């Protein structure tokens, strides 16, 4: 199974950030720390951040064409 690219980090203010585990930085899409529109990868509550991590990891697996061992 391919390593998951995105994970969560709790910030000092209690909010959550989706991070790129390969870089350690907030998740970046098209050079922005966001997915699209108003969906930010920083300053999220736990549930939003967890959902975003799942979505971003799914998109990354599809983009890379990796599904794990068969």
PDB file of N, CA and C in Angstrom:
ATOM      1  N   UNK A   1       0.840  -1.184   0.000  1.00  0.00           N
ATOM      2  CA  UNK A   1       0.000   0.000   0.000  1.00  0.00           C
ATOM      3  C   UNK A   1       0.885   1.248   0.000  1.00  0.00           C
ATOM      4  N   UNK A   2       0.545   2.206  -0.811  1.00  0.00           N
ATOM      5  CA  UNK A   2       1.296   3.454  -0.885  1.00  0.00           C
ATOM      6  C   UNK A   2       1.088   4.264   0.395  1.00  0.00           C
ATOM      7  N   UNK A   3       2.118   4.973   0.836  1.00  0.00           N
ATOM      8  CA  UNK A   3       1.943   5.799   2.037  1.00  0.00           C
ATOM      9  C   UNK A   3       0.943   6.919   1.783  1.00  0.00           C
ATOM     10  N   UNK A   4       0.169   7.247   2.816  1.00  0.00           N
ATOM     11  CA  UNK A   4      -0.777   8.347   2.671  1.00  0.00           C
ATOM     12  C   UNK A   4      -0.018   9.661   2.703  1.00  0.00           C
ATOM     13  N   UNK A   5      -0.364  10.527   1.771  1.00  0.00           N
ATOM     14  CA  UNK A   5       0.358  11.789   1.636  1.00  0.00           C
ATOM     15  C   UNK A   5      -0.081  12.842   2.636  1.00  0.00           C
ATOM     16  N   UNK A   6      -1.342  12.816   3.079  1.00  0.00           N
ATOM     17  CA  UNK A   6      -1.883  13.880   3.923  1.00  0.00           C
ATOM     18  C   UNK A   6      -2.269  13.368   5.295  1.00  0.00           C
ATOM     19  N   UNK A   7      -2.082  14.229   6.301  1.00  0.00           N
ATOM     20  CA  UNK A   7      -2.427  13.889   7.675  1.00  0.00           C
ATOM     21  C   UNK A   7      -2.853  15.174   8.389  1.00  0.00           C
ATOM     22  N   UNK A   8      -3.183  15.043   9.673  1.00  0.00           N
ATOM     23  CA  UNK A   8      -3.656  16.174  10.470  1.00  0.00           C
ATOM     24  C   UNK A   8      -2.584  16.661  11.425  1.00  0.00           C
ATOM     25  N   UNK A   9      -2.638  17.960  11.729  1.00  0.00           N
ATOM     26  CA  UNK A   9      -1.797  18.543  12.770  1.00  0.00           C
ATOM     27  C   UNK A   9      -2.649  19.529  13.561  1.00  0.00           C
ATOM     28  N   UNK A  10      -2.646  19.392  14.895  1.00  0.00           N
ATOM     29  CA  UNK A  10      -3.380  20.346  15.723  1.00  0.00           C
ATOM     30  C   UNK A  10      -2.504  21.557  15.978  1.00  0.00           C
ATOM     31  N   UNK A  11      -3.095  22.723  15.800  1.00  0.00           N
ATOM     32  CA  UNK A  11      -2.389  23.990  15.992  1.00  0.00           C
ATOM     33  C   UNK A  11      -2.535  24.461  17.439  1.00  0.00           C
ATOM     34  N   UNK A  12      -1.661  25.371  17.871  1.00  0.00           N
ATOM     35  CA  UNK A  12      -1.732  25.879  19.247  1.00  0.00           C
ATOM     36  C   UNK A  12      -3.085  26.504  19.611  1.00  0.00           C
ATOM     37  N   UNK A  13      -3.793  27.049  18.614  1.00  0.00           N
ATOM     38  CA  UNK A  13      -5.093  27.669  18.898  1.00  0.00           C
ATOM     39  C   UNK A  13      -6.242  26.654  18.946  1.00  0.00           C
ATOM     40  N   UNK A  14      -5.917  25.358  18.807  1.00  0.00           N
ATOM     41  CA  UNK A  14      -6.931  24.305  18.877  1.00  0.00           C
ATOM     42  C   UNK A  14      -7.526  23.920  17.543  1.00  0.00           C
ATOM     43  N   UNK A  15      -7.227  24.657  16.477  1.00  0.00           N
ATOM     44  CA  UNK A  15      -7.715  24.296  15.152  1.00  0.00           C
ATOM     45  C   UNK A  15      -6.799  23.231  14.561  1.00  0.00           C
ATOM     46  N   UNK A  16      -7.212  22.710  13.421  1.00  0.00           N
ATOM     47  CA  UNK A  16      -6.467  21.633  12.762  1.00  0.00           C
ATOM     48  C   UNK A  16      -6.040  22.068  11.379  1.00  0.00           C
ATOM     49  N   UNK A  17      -4.905  21.536  10.937  1.00  0.00           N
ATOM     50  CA  UNK A  17      -4.364  21.803   9.609  1.00  0.00           C
ATOM     51  C   UNK A  17      -4.128  20.480   8.903  1.00  0.00           C
ATOM     52  N   UNK A  18      -4.485  20.417   7.625  1.00  0.00           N
ATOM     53  CA  UNK A  18      -4.141  19.267   6.794  1.00  0.00           C
ATOM     54  C   UNK A  18      -2.717  19.509   6.303  1.00  0.00           C
ATOM     55  N   UNK A  19      -1.832  18.557   6.605  1.00  0.00           N
ATOM     56  CA  UNK A  19      -0.437  18.717   6.189  1.00  0.00           C
ATOM     57  C   UNK A  19      -0.056  17.666   5.157  1.00  0.00           C
ATOM     58  N   UNK A  20       0.896  18.043   4.327  1.00  0.00           N
ATOM     59  CA  UNK A  20       1.517  17.130   3.381  1.00  0.00           C
ATOM     60  C   UNK A  20       2.647  16.450   4.148  1.00  0.00           C
ATOM     61  N   UNK A  21       2.509  15.156   4.424  1.00  0.00           N
ATOM     62  CA  UNK A  21       3.505  14.476   5.249  1.00  0.00           C
ATOM     63  C   UNK A  21       4.860  14.376   4.560  1.00  0.00           C
ATOM     64  N   UNK A  22       4.893  14.521   3.243  1.00  0.00           N
ATOM     65  CA  UNK A  22       6.163  14.461   2.528  1.00  0.00           C
ATOM     66  C   UNK A  22       6.977  15.739   2.734  1.00  0.00           C
ATOM     67  N   UNK A  23       6.292  16.876   2.970  1.00  0.00           N
ATOM     68  CA  UNK A  23       6.989  18.149   3.145  1.00  0.00           C
ATOM     69  C   UNK A  23       6.896  18.699   4.562  1.00  0.00           C
ATOM     70  N   UNK A  24       5.842  18.302   5.308  1.00  0.00           N
ATOM     71  CA  UNK A  24       5.604  18.848   6.636  1.00  0.00           C
ATOM     72  C   UNK A  24       4.870  20.175   6.620  1.00  0.00           C
ATOM     73  N   UNK A  25       4.546  20.664   5.447  1.00  0.00           N
ATOM     74  CA  UNK A  25       3.865  21.961   5.285  1.00  0.00           C
ATOM     75  C   UNK A  25       2.365  21.764   5.107  1.00  0.00           C
ATOM     76  N   UNK A  26       1.562  22.837   5.321  1.00  0.00           N
ATOM     77  CA  UNK A  26       0.119  22.727   5.037  1.00  0.00           C
ATOM     78  C   UNK A  26      -0.095  22.274   3.590  1.00  0.00           C
ATOM     79  N   UNK A  27      -1.144  21.487   3.396  1.00  0.00           N
ATOM     80  CA  UNK A  27      -1.449  20.940   2.073  1.00  0.00           C
ATOM     81  C   UNK A  27      -1.599  22.053   1.049  1.00  0.00           C
ATOM     82  N   UNK A  28      -1.012  21.832  -0.120  1.00  0.00           N
ATOM     83  CA  UNK A  28      -1.050  22.822  -1.196  1.00  0.00           C
ATOM     84  C   UNK A  28      -1.702  22.216  -2.432  1.00  0.00           C
ATOM     85  N   UNK A  29      -2.631  22.948  -3.006  1.00  0.00           N
ATOM     86  CA  UNK A  29      -3.264  22.559  -4.267  1.00  0.00           C
ATOM     87  C   UNK A  29      -3.133  23.756  -5.194  1.00  0.00           C
ATOM     88  N   UNK A  30      -2.520  23.551  -6.339  1.00  0.00           N
ATOM     89  CA  UNK A  30      -2.293  24.638  -7.294  1.00  0.00           C
ATOM     90  C   UNK A  30      -1.595  25.832  -6.640  1.00  0.00           C
ATOM     91  N   UNK A  31      -0.630  25.535  -5.749  1.00  0.00           N
ATOM     92  CA  UNK A  31       0.143  26.596  -5.119  1.00  0.00           C
ATOM     93  C   UNK A  31      -0.571  27.332  -4.000  1.00  0.00           C
ATOM     94  N   UNK A  32      -1.764  26.880  -3.624  1.00  0.00           N
ATOM     95  CA  UNK A  32      -2.545  27.525  -2.565  1.00  0.00           C
ATOM     96  C   UNK A  32      -2.801  26.517  -1.444  1.00  0.00           C
ATOM     97  N   UNK A  33      -2.847  26.991  -0.189  1.00  0.00           N
ATOM     98  CA  UNK A  33      -3.167  26.110   0.936  1.00  0.00           C
ATOM     99  C   UNK A  33      -4.682  25.948   1.025  1.00  0.00           C
ATOM    100  N   UNK A  34      -5.250  25.344  -0.014  1.00  0.00           N
ATOM    101  CA  UNK A  34      -6.695  25.148  -0.071  1.00  0.00           C
ATOM    102  C   UNK A  34      -7.007  24.108  -1.135  1.00  0.00           C
ATOM    103  N   UNK A  35      -8.236  23.598  -1.129  1.00  0.00           N
ATOM    104  CA  UNK A  35      -8.678  22.676  -2.185  1.00  0.00           C
ATOM    105  C   UNK A  35      -9.271  23.491  -3.319  1.00  0.00           C
ATOM    106  N   UNK A  36     -10.319  24.229  -3.043  1.00  0.00           N
ATOM    107  CA  UNK A  36     -10.925  25.115  -4.031  1.00  0.00           C
ATOM    108  C   UNK A  36     -11.889  26.042  -3.315  1.00  0.00           C
ATOM    109  N   UNK A  37     -12.117  27.177  -3.867  1.00  0.00           N
ATOM    110  CA  UNK A  37     -13.079  28.111  -3.297  1.00  0.00           C
ATOM    111  C   UNK A  37     -12.794  28.420  -1.849  1.00  0.00           C
ATOM    112  N   UNK A  38     -13.758  28.141  -0.965  1.00  0.00           N
ATOM    113  CA  UNK A  38     -13.654  28.495   0.440  1.00  0.00           C
ATOM    114  C   UNK A  38     -13.151  27.361   1.330  1.00  0.00           C
ATOM    115  N   UNK A  39     -12.788  26.222   0.766  1.00  0.00           N
ATOM    116  CA  UNK A  39     -12.351  25.100   1.585  1.00  0.00           C
ATOM    117  C   UNK A  39     -10.856  25.240   1.845  1.00  0.00           C
ATOM    118  N   UNK A  40     -10.501  25.646   3.054  1.00  0.00           N
ATOM    119  CA  UNK A  40      -9.110  25.860   3.427  1.00  0.00           C
ATOM    120  C   UNK A  40      -8.511  24.598   4.030  1.00  0.00           C
ATOM    121  N   UNK A  41      -7.201  24.456   3.940  1.00  0.00           N
ATOM    122  CA  UNK A  41      -6.505  23.326   4.543  1.00  0.00           C
ATOM    123  C   UNK A  41      -5.993  23.689   5.937  1.00  0.00           C
ATOM    124  N   UNK A  42      -6.240  24.912   6.399  1.00  0.00           N
ATOM    125  CA  UNK A  42      -5.786  25.357   7.708  1.00  0.00           C
ATOM    126  C   UNK A  42      -6.954  25.937   8.494  1.00  0.00           C
ATOM    127  N   UNK A  43      -6.844  25.959   9.826  1.00  0.00           N
ATOM    128  CA  UNK A  43      -7.861  26.570  10.677  1.00  0.00           C
ATOM    129  C   UNK A  43      -9.170  25.812  10.732  1.00  0.00           C
ATOM    130  N   UNK A  44      -9.123  24.491  10.594  1.00  0.00           N
ATOM    131  CA  UNK A  44     -10.334  23.664  10.538  1.00  0.00           C
ATOM    132  C   UNK A  44     -10.664  23.071  11.903  1.00  0.00           C
ATOM    133  N   UNK A  45     -11.938  22.672  12.069  1.00  0.00           N
ATOM    134  CA  UNK A  45     -12.249  21.875  13.250  1.00  0.00           C
ATOM    135  C   UNK A  45     -11.893  20.426  12.916  1.00  0.00           C
ATOM    136  N   UNK A  46     -11.841  19.585  13.935  1.00  0.00           N
ATOM    137  CA  UNK A  46     -11.365  18.205  13.781  1.00  0.00           C
ATOM    138  C   UNK A  46     -12.134  17.430  12.716  1.00  0.00           C
ATOM    139  N   UNK A  47     -13.453  17.518  12.722  1.00  0.00           N
ATOM    140  CA  UNK A  47     -14.261  16.756  11.770  1.00  0.00           C
ATOM    141  C   UNK A  47     -14.005  17.211  10.333  1.00  0.00           C
ATOM    142  N   UNK A  48     -13.960  18.525  10.101  1.00  0.00           N
ATOM    143  CA  UNK A  48     -13.685  19.045   8.758  1.00  0.00           C
ATOM    144  C   UNK A  48     -12.308  18.591   8.280  1.00  0.00           C
ATOM    145  N   UNK A  49     -11.314  18.710   9.149  1.00  0.00           N
ATOM    146  CA  UNK A  49      -9.953  18.341   8.781  1.00  0.00           C
ATOM    147  C   UNK A  49      -9.850  16.852   8.462  1.00  0.00           C
ATOM    148  N   UNK A  50     -10.491  16.017   9.254  1.00  0.00           N
ATOM    149  CA  UNK A  50     -10.460  14.577   9.025  1.00  0.00           C
ATOM    150  C   UNK A  50     -11.104  14.216   7.694  1.00  0.00           C
ATOM    151  N   UNK A  51     -12.240  14.835   7.397  1.00  0.00           N
ATOM    152  CA  UNK A  51     -12.909  14.596   6.116  1.00  0.00           C
ATOM    153  C   UNK A  51     -12.032  15.051   4.953  1.00  0.00           C
ATOM    154  N   UNK A  52     -11.377  16.200   5.109  1.00  0.00           N
ATOM    155  CA  UNK A  52     -10.523  16.734   4.055  1.00  0.00           C
ATOM    156  C   UNK A  52      -9.309  15.842   3.825  1.00  0.00           C
ATOM    157  N   UNK A  53      -8.729  15.315   4.904  1.00  0.00           N
ATOM    158  CA  UNK A  53      -7.604  14.378   4.773  1.00  0.00           C
ATOM    159  C   UNK A  53      -8.027  13.149   3.968  1.00  0.00           C
ATOM    160  N   UNK A  54      -9.183  12.597   4.297  1.00  0.00           N
ATOM    161  CA  UNK A  54      -9.668  11.415   3.563  1.00  0.00           C
ATOM    162  C   UNK A  54      -9.844  11.725   2.081  1.00  0.00           C
ATOM    163  N   UNK A  55     -10.458  12.858   1.773  1.00  0.00           N
ATOM    164  CA  UNK A  55     -10.687  13.252   0.386  1.00  0.00           C
ATOM    165  C   UNK A  55      -9.374  13.481  -0.358  1.00  0.00           C
ATOM    166  N   UNK A  56      -8.462  14.197   0.267  1.00  0.00           N
ATOM    167  CA  UNK A  56      -7.196  14.496  -0.397  1.00  0.00           C
ATOM    168  C   UNK A  56      -6.351  13.252  -0.610  1.00  0.00           C
ATOM    169  N   UNK A  57      -6.363  12.324   0.360  1.00  0.00           N
ATOM    170  CA  UNK A  57      -5.623  11.073   0.168  1.00  0.00           C
ATOM    171  C   UNK A  57      -6.235  10.234  -0.941  1.00  0.00           C
ATOM    172  N   UNK A  58      -7.556  10.203  -1.041  1.00  0.00           N
ATOM    173  CA  UNK A  58      -8.217   9.488  -2.129  1.00  0.00           C
ATOM    174  C   UNK A  58      -7.847  10.098  -3.477  1.00  0.00           C
ATOM    175  N   UNK A  59      -7.887  11.422  -3.568  1.00  0.00           N
ATOM    176  CA  UNK A  59      -7.513  12.094  -4.817  1.00  0.00           C
ATOM    177  C   UNK A  59      -6.058  11.825  -5.168  1.00  0.00           C
ATOM    178  N   UNK A  60      -5.182  11.800  -4.167  1.00  0.00           N
ATOM    179  CA  UNK A  60      -3.766  11.551  -4.422  1.00  0.00           C
ATOM    180  C   UNK A  60      -3.543  10.135  -4.943  1.00  0.00           C
ATOM    181  N   UNK A  61      -4.228   9.155  -4.345  1.00  0.00           N
ATOM    182  CA  UNK A  61      -4.106   7.769  -4.810  1.00  0.00           C
ATOM    183  C   UNK A  61      -4.567   7.666  -6.257  1.00  0.00           C
ATOM    184  N   UNK A  62      -5.686   8.289  -6.579  1.00  0.00           N
ATOM    185  CA  UNK A  62      -6.189   8.258  -7.960  1.00  0.00           C
ATOM    186  C   UNK A  62      -5.223   8.947  -8.921  1.00  0.00           C
ATOM    187  N   UNK A  63      -4.673  10.081  -8.489  1.00  0.00           N
ATOM    188  CA  UNK A  63      -3.753  10.825  -9.345  1.00  0.00           C
ATOM    189  C   UNK A  63      -2.495  10.027  -9.620  1.00  0.00           C
ATOM    190  N   UNK A  64      -1.984   9.359  -8.601  1.00  0.00           N
ATOM    191  CA  UNK A  64      -0.760   8.576  -8.754  1.00  0.00           C
ATOM    192  C   UNK A  64      -1.018   7.210  -9.372  1.00  0.00           C
ATOM    193  N   UNK A  65      -2.292   6.798  -9.401  1.00  0.00           N
ATOM    194  CA  UNK A  65      -2.629   5.487  -9.977  1.00  0.00           C
ATOM    195  C   UNK A  65      -2.161   4.342  -9.105  1.00  0.00           C
ATOM    196  N   UNK A  66      -2.074   4.577  -7.784  1.00  0.00           N
ATOM    197  CA  UNK A  66      -1.660   3.540  -6.873  1.00  0.00           C
ATOM    198  C   UNK A  66      -2.829   3.071  -6.042  1.00  0.00           C
ATOM    199  N   UNK A  67      -3.009   1.766  -5.994  1.00  0.00           N
ATOM    200  CA  UNK A  67      -4.127   1.222  -5.217  1.00  0.00           C
ATOM    201  C   UNK A  67      -3.652   0.263  -4.153  1.00  0.00           C
ATOM    202  N   UNK A  68      -2.359   0.065  -4.040  1.00  0.00           N
ATOM    203  CA  UNK A  68      -1.840  -0.870  -3.051  1.00  0.00           C
ATOM    204  C   UNK A  68      -1.597  -2.234  -3.664  1.00  0.00           C
ATOM    205  N   UNK A  69      -1.210  -3.194  -2.833  1.00  0.00           N
ATOM    206  CA  UNK A  69      -0.898  -4.531  -3.348  1.00  0.00           C
ATOM    207  C   UNK A  69      -2.155  -5.246  -3.835  1.00  0.00           C
ATOM    208  N   UNK A  70      -1.971  -6.106  -4.820  1.00  0.00           N
ATOM    209  CA  UNK A  70      -3.097  -6.886  -5.350  1.00  0.00           C
ATOM    210  C   UNK A  70      -2.939  -8.338  -5.032  1.00  0.00           C
TER     211      UNK A  70
END
